[in-house]
């Protein structure tokens, strides 16, 4: 058995070509309590990508989160099972860590799912990243998601957060909402469909 050369693996990671990913919606938060994508999530695409640009909380040390609605719900309390870990490094190079984040995963929980935590509200601090939601219109399978975000943590750390899981329903998902666990936020979120 031969192994693929590194160049081939790198090429495979660039799976999305021009035209394969379609911008469906863009929303800007300006001291907003939440941003909700309540249209455009349907069976047209098998994968939806939400990208986060300069998400900045009004409240210091707050958490960026999401939840979903199935087509038969309006309360953003779908059941989620997830797993999470984080890596961080101090600007002063005097601290670094890689750790499982047991308090930020869910075990058949209905709370908003963490996409990051302890965001600094400094004027130069923000979050960037993306959430992938797979086959949200399926009426056979649970709805898998993966997310990767990065933010300024406690004003002087680089912090990367990884979360993945599934929304445990076989009813189609058609709404996604993003918010902080406390206070409002600024920033932009774009929703893309993958052909």
Foldseek 3Di string as FASTA:
>chain_A
DDDDDPVVVVVVVPVDDVPQKAWDDKDWFDQAQKDKQQDDPAQPFFKKKKKWFFKAFPDFFWFKFKFFDFPVDDDRFFFKFKWKWKWKAFQVRPDIDTGTDVVQGDDRGRDTHTLGTRAGNPPPKGKTWMKMWGRQQALPAWIKMKIWMWIQHPPTMTMIMIMITTRPHSGHIRMMMMGIPDGGITTMMIMMGGD
